[in-house]
Amino acid sequence: MEIYVVFGSTGEYSDHTYWLIKAYSDEEKAKEHVVLATNEFKARWSKTLGWEGRQKVFPKGWNKYDLEAEQPDYTGNRYWYEGVELD
């Protein structure tokens, strides 16, 4: 059986950070979670202007589809999923 793990990340190169969000047994649910988390991020990101604005707008838990979301840097947050075999 395969499970699908949803990830989030921010940054690049040595400042790149990623985290686990949730695992699903259904690939479609993992895809939907990625879309919802991405859309929530984009909606908030588009309402900010400049680095200072992002610092103030993104408190812990700001994304209801990614409660452990890292503070995004200038690259934003990215979401994806990967499948892995469950033993």
PDB file of N, CA and C in Angstrom:
ATOM      1  N   MET A   1       0.844  -1.181   0.000  1.00  0.00           N
ATOM      2  CA  MET A   1       0.000   0.000   0.000  1.00  0.00           C
ATOM      3  C   MET A   1       0.890   1.245   0.000  1.00  0.00           C
ATOM      4  N   GLU A   2       0.465   2.230  -0.776  1.00  0.00           N
ATOM      5  CA  GLU A   2       1.220   3.479  -0.840  1.00  0.00           C
ATOM      6  C   GLU A   2       0.472   4.567  -0.069  1.00  0.00           C
ATOM      7  N   ILE A   3       1.231   5.414   0.641  1.00  0.00           N
ATOM      8  CA  ILE A   3       0.656   6.597   1.271  1.00  0.00           C
ATOM      9  C   ILE A   3       1.276   7.820   0.610  1.00  0.00           C
ATOM     10  N   TYR A   4       0.616   8.949   0.779  1.00  0.00           N
ATOM     11  CA  TYR A   4       1.024  10.184   0.112  1.00  0.00           C
ATOM     12  C   TYR A   4       1.235  11.248   1.178  1.00  0.00           C
ATOM     13  N   VAL A   5       2.460  11.744   1.257  1.00  0.00           N
ATOM     14  CA  VAL A   5       2.847  12.694   2.289  1.00  0.00           C
ATOM     15  C   VAL A   5       2.914  14.094   1.689  1.00  0.00           C
ATOM     16  N   VAL A   6       2.223  15.033   2.325  1.00  0.00           N
ATOM     17  CA  VAL A   6       2.208  16.433   1.883  1.00  0.00           C
ATOM     18  C   VAL A   6       3.323  17.180   2.612  1.00  0.00           C
ATOM     19  N   PHE A   7       4.099  17.939   1.847  1.00  0.00           N
ATOM     20  CA  PHE A   7       5.230  18.711   2.357  1.00  0.00           C
ATOM     21  C   PHE A   7       5.019  20.191   2.096  1.00  0.00           C
ATOM     22  N   GLY A   8       5.684  21.019   2.898  1.00  0.00           N
ATOM     23  CA  GLY A   8       5.773  22.448   2.648  1.00  0.00           C
ATOM     24  C   GLY A   8       7.239  22.842   2.690  1.00  0.00           C
ATOM     25  N   SER A   9       7.589  23.929   2.018  1.00  0.00           N
ATOM     26  CA  SER A   9       8.976  24.402   2.063  1.00  0.00           C
ATOM     27  C   SER A   9       9.033  25.898   1.801  1.00  0.00           C
ATOM     28  N   THR A  10      10.155  26.477   2.207  1.00  0.00           N
ATOM     29  CA  THR A  10      10.448  27.873   1.925  1.00  0.00           C
ATOM     30  C   THR A  10      11.954  28.027   1.845  1.00  0.00           C
ATOM     31  N   GLY A  11      12.402  29.053   1.193  1.00  0.00           N
ATOM     32  CA  GLY A  11      13.832  29.333   1.109  1.00  0.00           C
ATOM     33  C   GLY A  11      14.506  28.662  -0.073  1.00  0.00           C
ATOM     34  N   GLU A  12      15.813  28.865  -0.128  1.00  0.00           N
ATOM     35  CA  GLU A  12      16.620  28.270  -1.184  1.00  0.00           C
ATOM     36  C   GLU A  12      18.037  28.051  -0.689  1.00  0.00           C
ATOM     37  N   TYR A  13      18.751  27.188  -1.365  1.00  0.00           N
ATOM     38  CA  TYR A  13      20.146  26.878  -1.049  1.00  0.00           C
ATOM     39  C   TYR A  13      20.305  26.511   0.433  1.00  0.00           C
ATOM     40  N   SER A  14      21.235  27.089   1.141  1.00  0.00           N
ATOM     41  CA  SER A  14      21.476  26.704   2.530  1.00  0.00           C
ATOM     42  C   SER A  14      20.361  27.179   3.471  1.00  0.00           C
ATOM     43  N   ASP A  15      19.529  28.104   3.028  1.00  0.00           N
ATOM     44  CA  ASP A  15      18.410  28.576   3.838  1.00  0.00           C
ATOM     45  C   ASP A  15      17.112  27.836   3.542  1.00  0.00           C
ATOM     46  N   HIS A  16      17.172  26.753   2.765  1.00  0.00           N
ATOM     47  CA  HIS A  16      15.975  25.993   2.411  1.00  0.00           C
ATOM     48  C   HIS A  16      15.502  25.173   3.605  1.00  0.00           C
ATOM     49  N   THR A  17      14.215  25.269   3.905  1.00  0.00           N
ATOM     50  CA  THR A  17      13.600  24.518   4.994  1.00  0.00           C
ATOM     51  C   THR A  17      12.380  23.790   4.446  1.00  0.00           C
ATOM     52  N   TYR A  18      12.191  22.537   4.846  1.00  0.00           N
ATOM     53  CA  TYR A  18      10.950  21.851   4.484  1.00  0.00           C
ATOM     54  C   TYR A  18      10.403  21.132   5.698  1.00  0.00           C
ATOM     55  N   TRP A  19       9.109  20.859   5.671  1.00  0.00           N
ATOM     56  CA  TRP A  19       8.442  20.218   6.793  1.00  0.00           C
ATOM     57  C   TRP A  19       7.333  19.310   6.275  1.00  0.00           C
ATOM     58  N   LEU A  20       6.985  18.329   7.088  1.00  0.00           N
ATOM     59  CA  LEU A  20       5.894  17.408   6.792  1.00  0.00           C
ATOM     60  C   LEU A  20       4.592  18.023   7.293  1.00  0.00           C
ATOM     61  N   ILE A  21       3.523  17.853   6.530  1.00  0.00           N
ATOM     62  CA  ILE A  21       2.241  18.416   6.922  1.00  0.00           C
ATOM     63  C   ILE A  21       1.235  17.326   7.288  1.00  0.00           C
ATOM     64  N   LYS A  22       1.012  16.395   6.369  1.00  0.00           N
ATOM     65  CA  LYS A  22       0.000  15.372   6.610  1.00  0.00           C
ATOM     66  C   LYS A  22       0.213  14.229   5.630  1.00  0.00           C
ATOM     67  N   ALA A  23      -0.229  13.020   6.017  1.00  0.00           N
ATOM     68  CA  ALA A  23      -0.152  11.852   5.144  1.00  0.00           C
ATOM     69  C   ALA A  23      -1.567  11.350   4.846  1.00  0.00           C
ATOM     70  N   TYR A  24      -1.766  10.896   3.632  1.00  0.00           N
ATOM     71  CA  TYR A  24      -3.063  10.369   3.188  1.00  0.00           C
ATOM     72  C   TYR A  24      -2.877   9.009   2.548  1.00  0.00           C
ATOM     73  N   SER A  25      -3.903   8.184   2.649  1.00  0.00           N
ATOM     74  CA  SER A  25      -3.897   6.913   1.929  1.00  0.00           C
ATOM     75  C   SER A  25      -4.480   7.086   0.528  1.00  0.00           C
ATOM     76  N   ASP A  26      -5.116   8.216   0.278  1.00  0.00           N
ATOM     77  CA  ASP A  26      -5.760   8.524  -1.002  1.00  0.00           C
ATOM     78  C   ASP A  26      -4.980   9.636  -1.710  1.00  0.00           C
ATOM     79  N   GLU A  27      -4.465   9.343  -2.889  1.00  0.00           N
ATOM     80  CA  GLU A  27      -3.658  10.317  -3.615  1.00  0.00           C
ATOM     81  C   GLU A  27      -4.457  11.579  -3.961  1.00  0.00           C
ATOM     82  N   GLU A  28      -5.725  11.436  -4.282  1.00  0.00           N
ATOM     83  CA  GLU A  28      -6.542  12.601  -4.627  1.00  0.00           C
ATOM     84  C   GLU A  28      -6.676  13.561  -3.448  1.00  0.00           C
ATOM     85  N   LYS A  29      -6.775  13.025  -2.235  1.00  0.00           N
ATOM     86  CA  LYS A  29      -6.852  13.881  -1.049  1.00  0.00           C
ATOM     87  C   LYS A  29      -5.540  14.629  -0.831  1.00  0.00           C
ATOM     88  N   ALA A  30      -4.415  13.977  -1.097  1.00  0.00           N
ATOM     89  CA  ALA A  30      -3.112  14.644  -0.983  1.00  0.00           C
ATOM     90  C   ALA A  30      -3.012  15.771  -2.011  1.00  0.00           C
ATOM     91  N   LYS A  31      -3.432  15.505  -3.244  1.00  0.00           N
ATOM     92  CA  LYS A  31      -3.426  16.541  -4.287  1.00  0.00           C
ATOM     93  C   LYS A  31      -4.296  17.725  -3.877  1.00  0.00           C
ATOM     94  N   GLU A  32      -5.488  17.431  -3.352  1.00  0.00           N
ATOM     95  CA  GLU A  32      -6.393  18.492  -2.925  1.00  0.00           C
ATOM     96  C   GLU A  32      -5.777  19.322  -1.797  1.00  0.00           C
ATOM     97  N   HIS A  33      -5.111  18.669  -0.865  1.00  0.00           N
ATOM     98  CA  HIS A  33      -4.478  19.383   0.241  1.00  0.00           C
ATOM     99  C   HIS A  33      -3.408  20.343  -0.282  1.00  0.00           C
ATOM    100  N   VAL A  34      -2.618  19.896  -1.242  1.00  0.00           N
ATOM    101  CA  VAL A  34      -1.589  20.746  -1.847  1.00  0.00           C
ATOM    102  C   VAL A  34      -2.224  21.975  -2.489  1.00  0.00           C
ATOM    103  N   VAL A  35      -3.297  21.768  -3.226  1.00  0.00           N
ATOM    104  CA  VAL A  35      -3.986  22.887  -3.886  1.00  0.00           C
ATOM    105  C   VAL A  35      -4.546  23.867  -2.858  1.00  0.00           C
ATOM    106  N   LEU A  36      -5.198  23.350  -1.810  1.00  0.00           N
ATOM    107  CA  LEU A  36      -5.782  24.220  -0.785  1.00  0.00           C
ATOM    108  C   LEU A  36      -4.712  25.010  -0.040  1.00  0.00           C
ATOM    109  N   ALA A  37      -3.627  24.350   0.355  1.00  0.00           N
ATOM    110  CA  ALA A  37      -2.547  25.044   1.075  1.00  0.00           C
ATOM    111  C   ALA A  37      -1.902  26.100   0.173  1.00  0.00           C
ATOM    112  N   THR A  38      -1.698  25.754  -1.088  1.00  0.00           N
ATOM    113  CA  THR A  38      -1.101  26.695  -2.043  1.00  0.00           C
ATOM    114  C   THR A  38      -2.005  27.906  -2.251  1.00  0.00           C
ATOM    115  N   ASN A  39      -3.290  27.661  -2.426  1.00  0.00           N
ATOM    116  CA  ASN A  39      -4.233  28.763  -2.641  1.00  0.00           C
ATOM    117  C   ASN A  39      -4.322  29.674  -1.423  1.00  0.00           C
ATOM    118  N   GLU A  40      -4.326  29.081  -0.229  1.00  0.00           N
ATOM    119  CA  GLU A  40      -4.351  29.881   1.002  1.00  0.00           C
ATOM    120  C   GLU A  40      -3.099  30.754   1.089  1.00  0.00           C
ATOM    121  N   PHE A  41      -1.948  30.174   0.756  1.00  0.00           N
ATOM    122  CA  PHE A  41      -0.705  30.944   0.768  1.00  0.00           C
ATOM    123  C   PHE A  41      -0.762  32.081  -0.253  1.00  0.00           C
ATOM    124  N   LYS A  42      -1.161  31.770  -1.480  1.00  0.00           N
ATOM    125  CA  LYS A  42      -1.191  32.793  -2.533  1.00  0.00           C
ATOM    126  C   LYS A  42      -2.152  33.928  -2.195  1.00  0.00           C
ATOM    127  N   ALA A  43      -3.285  33.610  -1.584  1.00  0.00           N
ATOM    128  CA  ALA A  43      -4.251  34.645  -1.222  1.00  0.00           C
ATOM    129  C   ALA A  43      -3.648  35.597  -0.192  1.00  0.00           C
ATOM    130  N   ARG A  44      -2.941  35.070   0.773  1.00  0.00           N
ATOM    131  CA  ARG A  44      -2.321  35.909   1.805  1.00  0.00           C
ATOM    132  C   ARG A  44      -1.125  36.663   1.230  1.00  0.00           C
ATOM    133  N   TRP A  45      -0.297  35.981   0.450  1.00  0.00           N
ATOM    134  CA  TRP A  45       0.913  36.573  -0.124  1.00  0.00           C
ATOM    135  C   TRP A  45       0.570  37.759  -1.012  1.00  0.00           C
ATOM    136  N   SER A  46      -0.491  37.649  -1.794  1.00  0.00           N
ATOM    137  CA  SER A  46      -0.846  38.714  -2.739  1.00  0.00           C
ATOM    138  C   SER A  46      -1.326  39.981  -2.031  1.00  0.00           C
ATOM    139  N   LYS A  47      -1.676  39.877  -0.744  1.00  0.00           N
ATOM    140  CA  LYS A  47      -2.160  41.041   0.003  1.00  0.00           C
ATOM    141  C   LYS A  47      -1.039  41.763   0.737  1.00  0.00           C
ATOM    142  N   THR A  48       0.197  41.319   0.558  1.00  0.00           N
ATOM    143  CA  THR A  48       1.310  41.940   1.271  1.00  0.00           C
ATOM    144  C   THR A  48       2.156  42.766   0.317  1.00  0.00           C
ATOM    145  N   LEU A  49       2.828  43.729   0.868  1.00  0.00           N
ATOM    146  CA  LEU A  49       3.735  44.563   0.088  1.00  0.00           C
ATOM    147  C   LEU A  49       5.065  44.643   0.810  1.00  0.00           C
ATOM    148  N   GLY A  50       6.088  44.066   0.222  1.00  0.00           N
ATOM    149  CA  GLY A  50       7.420  44.173   0.797  1.00  0.00           C
ATOM    150  C   GLY A  50       7.674  43.208   1.934  1.00  0.00           C
ATOM    151  N   TRP A  51       8.931  43.071   2.275  1.00  0.00           N
ATOM    152  CA  TRP A  51       9.355  42.126   3.293  1.00  0.00           C
ATOM    153  C   TRP A  51       8.726  42.420   4.654  1.00  0.00           C
ATOM    154  N   GLU A  52       8.670  43.664   5.055  1.00  0.00           N
ATOM    155  CA  GLU A  52       8.097  44.014   6.364  1.00  0.00           C
ATOM    156  C   GLU A  52       6.632  43.598   6.443  1.00  0.00           C
ATOM    157  N   GLY A  53       5.906  43.778   5.356  1.00  0.00           N
ATOM    158  CA  GLY A  53       4.505  43.374   5.352  1.00  0.00           C
ATOM    159  C   GLY A  53       4.347  41.882   5.557  1.00  0.00           C
ATOM    160  N   ARG A  54       5.195  41.095   4.901  1.00  0.00           N
ATOM    161  CA  ARG A  54       5.102  39.638   5.055  1.00  0.00           C
ATOM    162  C   ARG A  54       5.424  39.234   6.485  1.00  0.00           C
ATOM    163  N   GLN A  55       6.391  39.889   7.108  1.00  0.00           N
ATOM    164  CA  GLN A  55       6.732  39.565   8.488  1.00  0.00           C
ATOM    165  C   GLN A  55       5.521  39.754   9.401  1.00  0.00           C
ATOM    166  N   LYS A  56       4.742  40.781   9.182  1.00  0.00           N
ATOM    167  CA  LYS A  56       3.610  41.091  10.050  1.00  0.00           C
ATOM    168  C   LYS A  56       2.384  40.250   9.733  1.00  0.00           C
ATOM    169  N   VAL A  57       2.236  39.801   8.495  1.00  0.00           N
ATOM    170  CA  VAL A  57       1.025  39.137   8.049  1.00  0.00           C
ATOM    171  C   VAL A  57       1.051  37.622   8.290  1.00  0.00           C
ATOM    172  N   PHE A  58       2.205  37.029   8.529  1.00  0.00           N
ATOM    173  CA  PHE A  58       2.294  35.580   8.622  1.00  0.00           C
ATOM    174  C   PHE A  58       2.633  35.084  10.027  1.00  0.00           C
ATOM    175  N   PRO A  59       1.709  35.185  10.994  1.00  0.00           N
ATOM    176  CA  PRO A  59       1.958  34.626  12.325  1.00  0.00           C
ATOM    177  C   PRO A  59       1.843  33.102  12.279  1.00  0.00           C
ATOM    178  N   LYS A  60       2.333  32.414  13.272  1.00  0.00           N
ATOM    179  CA  LYS A  60       2.234  30.962  13.346  1.00  0.00           C
ATOM    180  C   LYS A  60       0.770  30.552  13.199  1.00  0.00           C
ATOM    181  N   GLY A  61       0.510  29.551  12.371  1.00  0.00           N
ATOM    182  CA  GLY A  61      -0.844  29.060  12.164  1.00  0.00           C
ATOM    183  C   GLY A  61      -1.671  29.850  11.166  1.00  0.00           C
ATOM    184  N   TRP A  62      -1.031  30.718  10.377  1.00  0.00           N
ATOM    185  CA  TRP A  62      -1.756  31.582   9.440  1.00  0.00           C
ATOM    186  C   TRP A  62      -2.430  30.815   8.308  1.00  0.00           C
ATOM    187  N   ASN A  63      -1.907  29.627   7.951  1.00  0.00           N
ATOM    188  CA  ASN A  63      -2.481  28.841   6.853  1.00  0.00           C
ATOM    189  C   ASN A  63      -3.257  27.681   7.463  1.00  0.00           C
ATOM    190  N   LYS A  64      -4.576  27.686   7.324  1.00  0.00           N
ATOM    191  CA  LYS A  64      -5.388  26.644   7.964  1.00  0.00           C
ATOM    192  C   LYS A  64      -5.144  25.254   7.376  1.00  0.00           C
ATOM    193  N   TYR A  65      -4.453  25.160   6.244  1.00  0.00           N
ATOM    194  CA  TYR A  65      -4.103  23.863   5.656  1.00  0.00           C
ATOM    195  C   TYR A  65      -2.654  23.481   5.952  1.00  0.00           C
ATOM    196  N   ASP A  66      -1.978  24.328   6.707  1.00  0.00           N
ATOM    197  CA  ASP A  66      -0.586  24.083   7.100  1.00  0.00           C
ATOM    198  C   ASP A  66      -0.331  24.840   8.398  1.00  0.00           C
ATOM    199  N   LEU A  67      -0.812  24.284   9.500  1.00  0.00           N
ATOM    200  CA  LEU A  67      -0.737  24.988  10.783  1.00  0.00           C
ATOM    201  C   LEU A  67       0.689  25.172  11.290  1.00  0.00           C
ATOM    202  N   GLU A  68       1.618  24.372  10.798  1.00  0.00           N
ATOM    203  CA  GLU A  68       3.021  24.491  11.208  1.00  0.00           C
ATOM    204  C   GLU A  68       3.852  25.249  10.179  1.00  0.00           C
ATOM    205  N   ALA A  69       3.203  25.993   9.307  1.00  0.00           N
ATOM    206  CA  ALA A  69       3.902  26.696   8.227  1.00  0.00           C
ATOM    207  C   ALA A  69       5.049  27.544   8.758  1.00  0.00           C
ATOM    208  N   GLU A  70       6.169  27.435   8.090  1.00  0.00           N
ATOM    209  CA  GLU A  70       7.314  28.278   8.405  1.00  0.00           C
ATOM    210  C   GLU A  70       7.035  29.695   7.923  1.00  0.00           C
ATOM    211  N   GLN A  71       7.685  30.660   8.561  1.00  0.00           N
ATOM    212  CA  GLN A  71       7.617  32.041   8.083  1.00  0.00           C
ATOM    213  C   GLN A  71       8.217  32.054   6.679  1.00  0.00           C
ATOM    214  N   PRO A  72       7.459  32.425   5.664  1.00  0.00           N
ATOM    215  CA  PRO A  72       8.013  32.429   4.313  1.00  0.00           C
ATOM    216  C   PRO A  72       9.071  33.504   4.133  1.00  0.00           C
ATOM    217  N   ASP A  73      10.077  33.168   3.337  1.00  0.00           N
ATOM    218  CA  ASP A  73      11.049  34.196   2.971  1.00  0.00           C
ATOM    219  C   ASP A  73      10.639  34.762   1.616  1.00  0.00           C
ATOM    220  N   TYR A  74      11.525  35.453   0.945  1.00  0.00           N
ATOM    221  CA  TYR A  74      11.162  36.096  -0.319  1.00  0.00           C
ATOM    222  C   TYR A  74      10.780  35.100  -1.419  1.00  0.00           C
ATOM    223  N   THR A  75      11.109  33.820  -1.254  1.00  0.00           N
ATOM    224  CA  THR A  75      10.751  32.820  -2.266  1.00  0.00           C
ATOM    225  C   THR A  75       9.328  32.317  -2.086  1.00  0.00           C
ATOM    226  N   GLY A  76       8.703  32.622  -0.958  1.00  0.00           N
ATOM    227  CA  GLY A  76       7.353  32.141  -0.685  1.00  0.00           C
ATOM    228  C   GLY A  76       7.357  30.727  -0.130  1.00  0.00           C
ATOM    229  N   ASN A  77       6.179  30.161   0.035  1.00  0.00           N
ATOM    230  CA  ASN A  77       6.037  28.770   0.458  1.00  0.00           C
ATOM    231  C   ASN A  77       5.619  27.936  -0.737  1.00  0.00           C
ATOM    232  N   ARG A  78       6.130  26.723  -0.795  1.00  0.00           N
ATOM    233  CA  ARG A  78       5.764  25.782  -1.850  1.00  0.00           C
ATOM    234  C   ARG A  78       5.211  24.528  -1.187  1.00  0.00           C
ATOM    235  N   TYR A  79       4.250  23.901  -1.849  1.00  0.00           N
ATOM    236  CA  TYR A  79       3.625  22.686  -1.341  1.00  0.00           C
ATOM    237  C   TYR A  79       3.628  21.618  -2.417  1.00  0.00           C
ATOM    238  N   TRP A  80       3.829  20.366  -2.007  1.00  0.00           N
ATOM    239  CA  TRP A  80       3.799  19.226  -2.917  1.00  0.00           C
ATOM    240  C   TRP A  80       3.563  17.978  -2.092  1.00  0.00           C
ATOM    241  N   TYR A  81       3.372  16.849  -2.788  1.00  0.00           N
ATOM    242  CA  TYR A  81       3.246  15.579  -2.083  1.00  0.00           C
ATOM    243  C   TYR A  81       4.114  14.541  -2.775  1.00  0.00           C
ATOM    244  N   GLU A  82       4.459  13.515  -2.036  1.00  0.00           N
ATOM    245  CA  GLU A  82       5.215  12.388  -2.576  1.00  0.00           C
ATOM    246  C   GLU A  82       4.603  11.107  -2.043  1.00  0.00           C
ATOM    247  N   GLY A  83       4.616  10.083  -2.874  1.00  0.00           N
ATOM    248  CA  GLY A  83       4.127   8.781  -2.466  1.00  0.00           C
ATOM    249  C   GLY A  83       5.260   7.936  -1.914  1.00  0.00           C
ATOM    250  N   VAL A  84       4.931   7.104  -0.915  1.00  0.00           N
ATOM    251  CA  VAL A  84       5.916   6.202  -0.328  1.00  0.00           C
ATOM    252  C   VAL A  84       5.179   4.906   0.060  1.00  0.00           C
ATOM    253  N   GLU A  85       5.875   3.800  -0.081  1.00  0.00           N
ATOM    254  CA  GLU A  85       5.290   2.504   0.252  1.00  0.00           C
ATOM    255  C   GLU A  85       5.165   2.376   1.777  1.00  0.00           C
ATOM    256  N   LEU A  86       3.994   1.963   2.232  1.00  0.00           N
ATOM    257  CA  LEU A  86       3.744   1.734   3.662  1.00  0.00           C
ATOM    258  C   LEU A  86       3.985   0.261   3.940  1.00  0.00           C
ATOM    259  N   ASP A  87       4.835  -0.004   4.903  1.00  0.00           N
ATOM    260  CA  ASP A  87       5.182  -1.396   5.228  1.00  0.00           C
ATOM    261  C   ASP A  87       4.210  -1.943   6.255  1.00  0.00           C
TER     262      ASP A  87
END
